[in-house]
Amino acid sequence: MRILVVTQYFWPENFRINDLVSELVKRGHQVTVLTGKPNYPDGKFFPNFLANPEEFKELNGVKIIRVPILARGVGNLKLALNYLAFALSASFLGPWLLKGQAFDAIFAYEPSPITVGIPAAVMRYFKKAPLIFWVLDLWPETIQALDIVRSKFILWMLKKLVQQIYQRCDLILAQSKSFIPKIAQYTSAYSQIEYFPSWSDITLNDQVIKPASEIPIKSGCFNIMFAGNIGEAQDFPTIVEAAYILKSHLNIRWIIIGSGRQSKKLKEEVQMQGLEHCFLFLGQFSVERMPSFFVHADVLLVSLKKAPIFAMTIPGKLQSYLASGIPILAMLDGEGADIIRNADAGIICSAGDSRELAKSVLRLSRTSIRDRQLMGKRGKALSLREFDRDKLISKLERWFKLTQCRLIKKN
């Protein structure tokens, strides 16, 4: 099939869509990506891209069409302008840059923002191809929970935008089962929505993995590792509070891998609380390098703020954590927590509860290595059953063909 992928984020930015499109090409599909210039998560255009943009026009057989955008920068205003810039640029330039090219399906990738649906809907109109929209973040509920937007009028406008986008989709894919009723509020056709979770974007095998040299070996140390975006949704203030409660336990080390809009603020808070001896900040690394860091982890930490919308969300890193075979420490509510709890793959505490998180850390640190290994094995088994990459992508292929057939019959 000839597939057009519309996504604000793409390689060399680290997102699961990179893996998906590469696999689709391996399976014989022709894939074109309409995207922007890479600037996530630090808000600045990648120096390597600026130095030689020609090197970023193709990835593993995927043709990449980039439109100009404004960098994310710092602050909510610049972030909003970044979202708007891609939506407008891709909507106006996309049809011209892809003039004369036919597609059998259009796939929109929406980890956030919902505005990626605007150019996706525009391309659906011009290309007369079915639109499949993968919802990984619910709008406007998420930005309301993060207190980014308070204006009732703006929230009402965003709800109208969401409705207009969803009603132009031929199929909507929800990253969690809890998302489905929420999405259904904006579209009359409930049958247009399907559950489609993420998979592990980290390749793990049975080969011996060399530990990352960036992490110093510390005898008797209990390593809690967080890997991913450092943003408001991850609720790092509560994590720092838990670390403060445990500051006298010198064997406990918090290893933070990744970057994001809250990175600087997090480091300042750690310093202000006198917790430098507890934390190790390593910055951003490629997905390919993550197994070498995971080798150091005794447990993997996943967290989300306490809010109804986040209780419906399955954090994107959860599938990679499960696949690693390492026990999980989760500060979550709702569906994400239920997945770990039902698999008995780790310990869960309530979102936003620093004291309970601290108690959970101590409990895991005092759990035998054998019992922690069993937790990890149970998580890995669940990953193979429920979040198998090949099975999920095969299911997506079937949906592509089904929506194409439906559109042909309709016309």
Protein backbone atom coordinates (compact mmCIF):
# COMPACT_ATOMS: atom_id res chain seq x y z
CA MET A 1 0.00 0.00 0.00
CA ARG A 2 0.97 3.65 -0.48
CA ILE A 3 0.77 5.20 2.99
CA LEU A 4 1.10 8.85 3.97
CA VAL A 5 2.04 9.44 7.61
CA VAL A 6 1.30 12.86 9.09
CA THR A 7 3.22 13.51 12.29
CA GLN A 8 4.67 16.62 13.92
CA TYR A 9 7.50 14.51 15.37
CA PHE A 10 9.82 12.21 13.48
CA TRP A 11 13.39 10.99 13.27
CA PRO A 12 15.92 12.10 14.46
CA GLU A 13 13.47 12.80 17.31
CA ASN A 14 12.84 9.64 19.36
CA PHE A 15 9.26 8.51 18.85
CA ARG A 16 7.60 5.15 18.24
CA ILE A 17 6.44 6.32 14.82
CA ASN A 18 10.04 5.92 13.58
CA ASP A 19 9.92 2.20 14.30
CA LEU A 20 6.42 1.82 12.85
CA VAL A 21 7.16 3.36 9.47
CA SER A 22 10.44 1.46 9.13
CA GLU A 23 8.59 -1.81 9.76
CA LEU A 24 5.87 -0.91 7.25
CA VAL A 25 8.55 -0.41 4.59
CA LYS A 26 10.09 -3.78 5.47
CA ARG A 27 6.67 -5.32 4.88
CA GLY A 28 6.57 -3.93 1.35
CA HIS A 29 4.59 -0.70 1.79
CA GLN A 30 5.56 2.63 0.24
CA VAL A 31 5.65 5.16 3.07
CA THR A 32 5.92 8.95 2.88
CA VAL A 33 6.12 11.06 6.04
CA LEU A 34 4.90 14.66 6.25
CA THR A 35 6.56 16.24 9.27
CA GLY A 36 8.40 19.29 10.63
CA LYS A 37 11.98 20.15 11.50
CA PRO A 38 13.32 18.23 14.51
CA ASN A 39 13.37 20.21 17.78
CA TYR A 40 11.90 17.89 20.44
CA PRO A 41 12.35 17.76 23.42
CA ASP A 42 14.78 20.62 24.08
CA GLY A 43 12.94 23.19 21.96
CA LYS A 44 15.88 23.92 19.64
CA PHE A 45 16.40 22.68 16.09
CA PHE A 46 18.90 19.82 16.02
CA PRO A 47 22.37 21.15 15.05
CA ASN A 48 23.07 18.10 12.86
CA PHE A 49 19.88 18.73 10.94
CA LEU A 50 20.62 22.42 10.45
CA ALA A 51 24.16 21.62 9.29
CA ASN A 52 23.03 19.12 6.66
CA PRO A 53 19.25 18.79 6.18
CA GLU A 54 19.76 16.65 3.05
CA GLU A 55 20.84 13.75 5.26
CA PHE A 56 17.41 13.70 6.89
CA LYS A 57 15.24 13.25 3.80
CA GLU A 58 15.10 9.45 4.00
CA LEU A 59 15.04 6.80 6.73
CA ASN A 60 15.21 3.08 5.93
CA GLY A 61 13.36 3.59 2.64
CA VAL A 62 10.87 6.11 4.07
CA LYS A 63 10.56 9.34 2.09
CA ILE A 64 10.47 12.37 4.40
CA ILE A 65 8.82 15.68 3.48
CA ARG A 66 9.55 18.45 6.01
CA VAL A 67 7.71 21.74 6.33
CA PRO A 68 9.02 24.83 8.14
CA ILE A 69 7.90 25.34 11.74
CA LEU A 70 8.78 27.42 14.79
CA ALA A 71 10.90 25.69 17.43
CA ARG A 72 9.19 24.74 20.72
CA GLY A 73 11.44 27.03 22.75
CA VAL A 74 10.58 27.64 26.40
CA GLY A 75 7.16 28.56 27.78
CA ASN A 76 3.57 27.80 26.90
CA LEU A 77 3.24 30.60 24.35
CA LYS A 78 6.14 29.34 22.23
CA LEU A 79 4.83 25.80 22.53
CA ALA A 80 1.40 26.91 21.29
CA LEU A 81 3.03 28.73 18.38
CA ASN A 82 5.02 25.59 17.59
CA TYR A 83 1.81 23.54 17.42
CA LEU A 84 0.06 26.15 15.31
CA ALA A 85 3.03 26.58 12.98
CA PHE A 86 3.12 22.91 12.04
CA ALA A 87 -0.65 22.69 11.61
CA LEU A 88 -0.71 25.67 9.23
CA SER A 89 2.54 24.89 7.42
CA ALA A 90 1.66 21.24 6.78
CA SER A 91 -1.92 22.15 5.77
CA PHE A 92 -0.91 24.78 3.21
CA LEU A 93 2.39 23.35 1.94
CA GLY A 94 1.59 19.63 2.27
CA PRO A 95 -0.82 19.42 -0.70
CA TRP A 96 1.65 21.33 -2.88
CA LEU A 97 4.73 19.32 -1.81
CA LEU A 98 2.82 16.07 -2.37
CA LYS A 99 1.12 17.20 -5.58
CA GLY A 100 0.53 14.36 -8.02
CA GLN A 101 1.20 11.64 -5.45
CA ALA A 102 -1.61 9.19 -4.69
CA PHE A 103 -2.06 7.33 -1.41
CA ASP A 104 -4.15 4.38 -0.30
CA ALA A 105 -4.27 5.46 3.35
CA ILE A 106 -3.32 8.39 5.57
CA PHE A 107 -2.09 7.69 9.09
CA ALA A 108 -1.94 10.49 11.68
CA TYR A 109 0.25 10.03 14.76
CA GLU A 110 -0.93 12.10 17.74
CA PRO A 111 1.09 11.81 20.96
CA SER A 112 0.18 15.52 21.33
CA PRO A 113 -0.99 17.96 20.08
CA ILE A 114 -4.41 17.32 18.52
CA THR A 115 -3.59 19.98 15.92
CA VAL A 116 -1.74 17.35 13.88
CA GLY A 117 -5.25 16.32 12.85
CA ILE A 118 -5.73 19.54 10.87
CA PRO A 119 -3.18 18.79 8.12
CA ALA A 120 -4.18 15.11 8.26
CA ALA A 121 -7.79 16.05 7.49
CA VAL A 122 -6.62 18.43 4.75
CA MET A 123 -4.59 15.65 3.13
CA ARG A 124 -7.61 13.33 3.36
CA TYR A 125 -9.64 15.91 1.41
CA PHE A 126 -7.04 16.35 -1.33
CA LYS A 127 -5.90 12.73 -1.62
CA LYS A 128 -9.35 11.09 -1.25
CA ALA A 129 -7.78 8.44 0.97
CA PRO A 130 -9.08 7.11 4.32
CA LEU A 131 -7.69 8.71 7.47
CA ILE A 132 -6.61 6.55 10.40
CA PHE A 133 -5.92 8.64 13.51
CA TRP A 134 -3.89 7.19 16.42
CA VAL A 135 -4.82 9.01 19.63
CA LEU A 136 -2.13 8.74 22.30
CA ASP A 137 -3.15 11.89 24.18
CA LEU A 138 -6.65 13.19 24.82
CA TRP A 139 -7.34 16.85 24.11
CA PRO A 140 -8.39 19.18 25.63
CA GLU A 141 -8.46 17.11 28.82
CA THR A 142 -4.66 16.80 29.04
CA ILE A 143 -3.81 20.49 28.75
CA GLN A 144 -6.64 21.27 31.17
CA ALA A 145 -5.21 18.79 33.71
CA LEU A 146 -1.76 20.35 33.32
CA ASP A 147 -3.29 23.80 33.90
CA ILE A 148 -1.90 25.03 30.58
CA VAL A 149 -5.26 26.46 29.52
CA ARG A 150 -7.82 27.86 31.95
CA SER A 151 -10.03 29.89 29.64
CA LYS A 152 -13.43 28.23 29.26
CA PHE A 153 -13.78 29.79 25.82
CA ILE A 154 -10.47 28.38 24.57
CA LEU A 155 -11.32 24.95 26.00
CA TRP A 156 -14.70 25.11 24.24
CA MET A 157 -12.96 26.01 20.98
CA LEU A 158 -10.55 23.11 21.39
CA LYS A 159 -13.44 20.71 21.97
CA LYS A 160 -15.01 21.93 18.73
CA LEU A 161 -11.68 21.41 16.95
CA VAL A 162 -11.39 17.87 18.34
CA GLN A 163 -14.93 17.13 17.18
CA GLN A 164 -14.21 18.42 13.67
CA ILE A 165 -11.02 16.34 13.42
CA TYR A 166 -12.49 13.11 14.79
CA GLN A 167 -15.54 13.35 12.53
CA ARG A 168 -13.25 13.47 9.52
CA CYS A 169 -11.50 10.24 10.47
CA ASP A 170 -12.38 6.91 8.92
CA LEU A 171 -10.92 5.06 11.90
CA ILE A 172 -9.75 6.29 15.30
CA LEU A 173 -7.29 4.20 17.29
CA ALA A 174 -7.20 4.65 21.08
CA GLN A 175 -4.01 3.91 23.01
CA SER A 176 -6.01 2.76 26.04
CA LYS A 177 -9.44 1.21 26.50
CA SER A 178 -10.39 4.06 28.82
CA PHE A 179 -9.94 6.52 25.95
CA ILE A 180 -12.72 4.99 23.87
CA PRO A 181 -15.76 6.46 25.70
CA LYS A 182 -14.07 9.88 25.78
CA ILE A 183 -13.35 9.79 22.06
CA ALA A 184 -16.89 8.58 21.37
CA GLN A 185 -18.26 11.81 22.87
CA TYR A 186 -16.96 13.63 19.80
CA THR A 187 -18.14 11.23 17.11
CA SER A 188 -21.48 9.56 16.53
CA ALA A 189 -20.03 6.34 15.08
CA TYR A 190 -18.78 4.26 18.01
CA SER A 191 -17.69 1.49 15.63
CA GLN A 192 -15.05 3.84 14.18
CA ILE A 193 -12.95 3.52 17.34
CA GLU A 194 -10.60 0.61 18.10
CA TYR A 195 -8.20 -0.15 20.94
CA PHE A 196 -4.60 0.00 19.69
CA PRO A 197 -1.90 0.15 22.39
CA SER A 198 1.78 0.89 21.93
CA TRP A 199 4.56 -1.69 21.94
CA SER A 200 8.12 -1.66 23.22
CA ASP A 201 10.32 0.60 21.12
CA ILE A 202 13.44 -0.87 22.71
CA THR A 203 14.93 -3.98 21.11
CA LEU A 204 15.81 -6.54 23.77
CA ASN A 205 17.20 -10.00 23.19
CA ASP A 206 18.94 -12.77 25.07
CA GLN A 207 22.42 -11.59 24.15
CA VAL A 208 24.74 -10.30 26.86
CA ILE A 209 24.39 -6.52 27.01
CA LYS A 210 27.38 -4.41 27.97
CA PRO A 211 26.41 -2.00 30.79
CA ALA A 212 26.51 1.71 29.95
CA SER A 213 29.80 3.26 31.07
CA GLU A 214 27.99 6.53 31.88
CA ILE A 215 26.65 5.01 35.11
CA PRO A 216 29.30 4.52 37.79
CA ILE A 217 29.14 1.20 39.60
CA LYS A 218 28.29 1.68 43.27
CA SER A 219 28.43 -1.40 45.47
CA GLY A 220 25.23 -2.13 47.40
CA CYS A 221 23.34 0.57 45.52
CA PHE A 222 19.63 0.22 44.76
CA ASN A 223 19.04 1.88 41.39
CA ILE A 224 15.66 3.38 40.55
CA MET A 225 15.69 4.34 36.87
CA PHE A 226 13.40 6.74 35.03
CA ALA A 227 13.76 6.87 31.25
CA GLY A 228 11.79 9.25 29.06
CA ASN A 229 10.35 12.72 28.81
CA ILE A 230 10.83 15.04 31.79
CA GLY A 231 7.64 17.06 31.68
CA GLU A 232 4.83 18.31 33.86
CA ALA A 233 2.74 15.18 33.36
CA GLN A 234 5.41 12.99 34.98
CA ASP A 235 5.02 14.81 38.33
CA PHE A 236 8.68 15.08 39.30
CA PRO A 237 7.95 17.35 42.29
CA THR A 238 6.34 14.35 44.01
CA ILE A 239 9.30 12.13 43.07
CA VAL A 240 11.70 14.67 44.58
CA GLU A 241 9.57 14.74 47.75
CA ALA A 242 9.88 10.94 48.01
CA ALA A 243 13.64 11.19 47.49
CA TYR A 244 13.80 13.78 50.28
CA ILE A 245 11.96 11.42 52.64
CA LEU A 246 14.55 8.73 51.80
CA LYS A 247 17.63 10.97 51.76
CA SER A 248 19.18 9.20 54.75
CA HIS A 249 19.09 5.88 52.88
CA LEU A 250 22.39 6.37 51.09
CA ASN A 251 22.08 3.12 49.13
CA ILE A 252 19.10 4.45 47.10
CA ARG A 253 20.00 6.15 43.83
CA TRP A 254 17.60 7.81 41.39
CA ILE A 255 18.90 7.63 37.81
CA ILE A 256 17.18 9.98 35.37
CA ILE A 257 17.65 9.37 31.64
CA GLY A 258 16.03 11.77 29.21
CA SER A 259 15.26 15.45 28.87
CA GLY A 260 12.30 17.75 28.49
CA ARG A 261 10.73 21.06 29.34
CA GLN A 262 11.04 20.44 33.10
CA SER A 263 14.67 19.23 33.09
CA LYS A 264 16.24 22.46 34.31
CA LYS A 265 13.56 22.98 36.96
CA LEU A 266 14.02 19.41 38.21
CA LYS A 267 17.78 19.79 38.61
CA GLU A 268 17.31 23.09 40.43
CA GLU A 269 14.82 21.49 42.83
CA VAL A 270 17.15 18.57 43.55
CA GLN A 271 19.96 21.02 44.30
CA MET A 272 17.70 23.20 46.47
CA GLN A 273 16.69 20.16 48.55
CA GLY A 274 20.31 19.05 48.93
CA LEU A 275 19.69 15.78 47.12
CA GLU A 276 22.59 15.82 44.66
CA HIS A 277 23.98 12.66 46.26
CA CYS A 278 20.69 10.83 45.51
CA PHE A 279 20.27 11.71 41.83
CA LEU A 280 22.21 10.97 38.68
CA PHE A 281 21.16 12.95 35.58
CA LEU A 282 22.42 11.48 32.34
CA GLY A 283 20.52 13.37 29.63
CA GLN A 284 19.07 12.08 26.36
CA PHE A 285 20.25 8.96 24.55
CA SER A 286 19.09 7.06 21.48
CA VAL A 287 16.57 4.26 21.80
CA GLU A 288 19.23 1.80 20.62
CA ARG A 289 21.36 2.55 23.68
CA MET A 290 18.64 2.05 26.27
CA PRO A 291 19.23 -1.67 26.95
CA SER A 292 22.76 -0.85 28.15
CA PHE A 293 21.26 1.55 30.71
CA PHE A 294 18.46 -0.79 31.76
CA VAL A 295 21.10 -3.34 32.79
CA HIS A 296 21.92 -1.06 35.74
CA ALA A 297 18.30 -0.76 36.94
CA ASP A 298 16.93 -2.64 39.92
CA VAL A 299 13.49 -1.16 39.20
CA LEU A 300 12.07 1.08 36.49
CA LEU A 301 10.01 4.10 37.53
CA VAL A 302 6.90 5.27 35.68
CA SER A 303 4.77 8.15 36.92
CA LEU A 304 1.90 10.45 35.96
CA LYS A 305 0.20 13.31 37.79
CA LYS A 306 -2.98 12.70 39.74
CA ALA A 307 -5.80 13.66 37.38
CA PRO A 308 -8.75 11.77 35.85
CA ILE A 309 -7.29 12.05 32.34
CA PHE A 310 -3.98 10.48 33.37
CA ALA A 311 -5.81 7.62 35.07
CA MET A 312 -7.10 6.77 31.58
CA THR A 313 -3.63 6.91 30.03
CA ILE A 314 -1.17 4.08 29.48
CA PRO A 315 2.25 5.78 29.66
CA GLY A 316 4.21 5.17 26.45
CA LYS A 317 7.23 3.89 28.34
CA LEU A 318 5.24 1.17 30.13
CA GLN A 319 5.41 -1.31 27.23
CA SER A 320 9.19 -0.91 27.00
CA TYR A 321 9.51 -1.36 30.75
CA LEU A 322 7.45 -4.56 30.68
CA ALA A 323 9.47 -5.96 27.77
CA SER A 324 12.73 -5.37 29.66
CA GLY A 325 11.98 -8.02 32.27
CA ILE A 326 12.77 -5.55 35.08
CA PRO A 327 10.27 -4.94 37.93
CA ILE A 328 8.29 -1.71 37.74
CA LEU A 329 7.74 0.94 40.37
CA ALA A 330 4.61 2.80 39.31
CA MET A 331 3.16 6.00 40.73
CA LEU A 332 -0.02 5.76 38.70
CA ASP A 333 -3.79 5.51 38.91
CA GLY A 334 -6.24 3.82 36.59
CA GLU A 335 -5.58 1.69 33.53
CA GLY A 336 -1.78 1.89 33.56
CA ALA A 337 -1.69 0.81 37.20
CA ASP A 338 -4.16 -2.02 36.54
CA ILE A 339 -1.92 -3.48 33.83
CA ILE A 340 1.01 -3.74 36.25
CA ARG A 341 -1.16 -4.89 39.15
CA ASN A 342 -2.94 -7.62 37.19
CA ALA A 343 0.38 -8.96 35.90
CA ASP A 344 2.00 -8.68 39.34
CA ALA A 345 4.93 -7.06 37.54
CA GLY A 346 5.90 -4.56 40.22
CA ILE A 347 4.61 -2.30 42.97
CA ILE A 348 2.03 0.44 42.46
CA CYS A 349 1.35 3.48 44.59
CA SER A 350 -1.22 6.22 44.16
CA ALA A 351 -0.41 9.11 41.84
CA GLY A 352 0.76 12.22 43.68
CA ASP A 353 1.53 10.41 46.95
CA SER A 354 5.18 10.98 47.88
CA ARG A 355 5.01 9.10 51.18
CA GLU A 356 3.51 6.03 49.57
CA LEU A 357 6.15 6.22 46.83
CA ALA A 358 8.91 6.35 49.44
CA LYS A 359 7.44 3.32 51.23
CA SER A 360 7.22 1.45 47.92
CA VAL A 361 10.89 2.19 47.21
CA LEU A 362 11.91 0.78 50.59
CA ARG A 363 9.71 -2.25 50.09
CA LEU A 364 11.27 -3.02 46.73
CA SER A 365 14.80 -2.40 47.98
CA ARG A 366 14.18 -4.99 50.72
CA THR A 367 12.57 -7.51 48.38
CA SER A 368 14.82 -10.41 47.45
CA ILE A 369 16.51 -10.39 44.06
CA ARG A 370 14.68 -13.62 43.20
CA ASP A 371 11.27 -12.09 43.90
CA ARG A 372 12.13 -8.99 41.87
CA GLN A 373 13.25 -11.20 39.01
CA LEU A 374 9.90 -13.01 39.13
CA MET A 375 8.10 -9.65 38.89
CA GLY A 376 10.17 -8.81 35.83
CA LYS A 377 9.48 -12.17 34.20
CA ARG A 378 5.75 -11.77 34.71
CA GLY A 379 5.91 -8.32 33.11
CA LYS A 380 7.82 -9.67 30.14
CA ALA A 381 5.28 -12.46 29.68
CA LEU A 382 2.48 -9.88 29.64
CA SER A 383 4.39 -7.84 27.08
CA LEU A 384 4.58 -10.85 24.76
CA ARG A 385 0.86 -11.60 25.21
CA GLU A 386 -0.68 -8.16 24.99
CA PHE A 387 1.83 -5.79 23.41
CA ASP A 388 3.61 -7.85 20.80
CA ARG A 389 5.00 -5.50 18.14
CA ASP A 390 4.55 -7.76 15.13
CA LYS A 391 0.97 -8.70 16.02
CA LEU A 392 -0.03 -5.09 16.59
CA ILE A 393 1.48 -3.84 13.34
CA SER A 394 -0.19 -6.71 11.46
CA LYS A 395 -3.50 -5.63 12.96
CA LEU A 396 -2.81 -2.07 11.78
CA GLU A 397 -2.15 -3.34 8.26
CA ARG A 398 -5.52 -5.07 8.24
CA TRP A 399 -7.21 -1.84 9.33
CA PHE A 400 -5.48 0.04 6.52
CA LYS A 401 -6.89 -2.37 3.97
CA LEU A 402 -10.33 -2.45 5.58
CA THR A 403 -10.71 1.34 5.63
CA GLN A 404 -9.54 1.52 2.03
CA CYS A 405 -12.15 -1.03 0.98
CA ARG A 406 -14.88 0.81 2.89
CA LEU A 407 -14.01 4.09 1.18
CA ILE A 408 -14.02 2.46 -2.25
CA LYS A 409 -17.46 0.95 -1.61
CA LYS A 410 -18.77 4.26 -0.30
CA ASN A 411 -17.65 6.05 -3.45
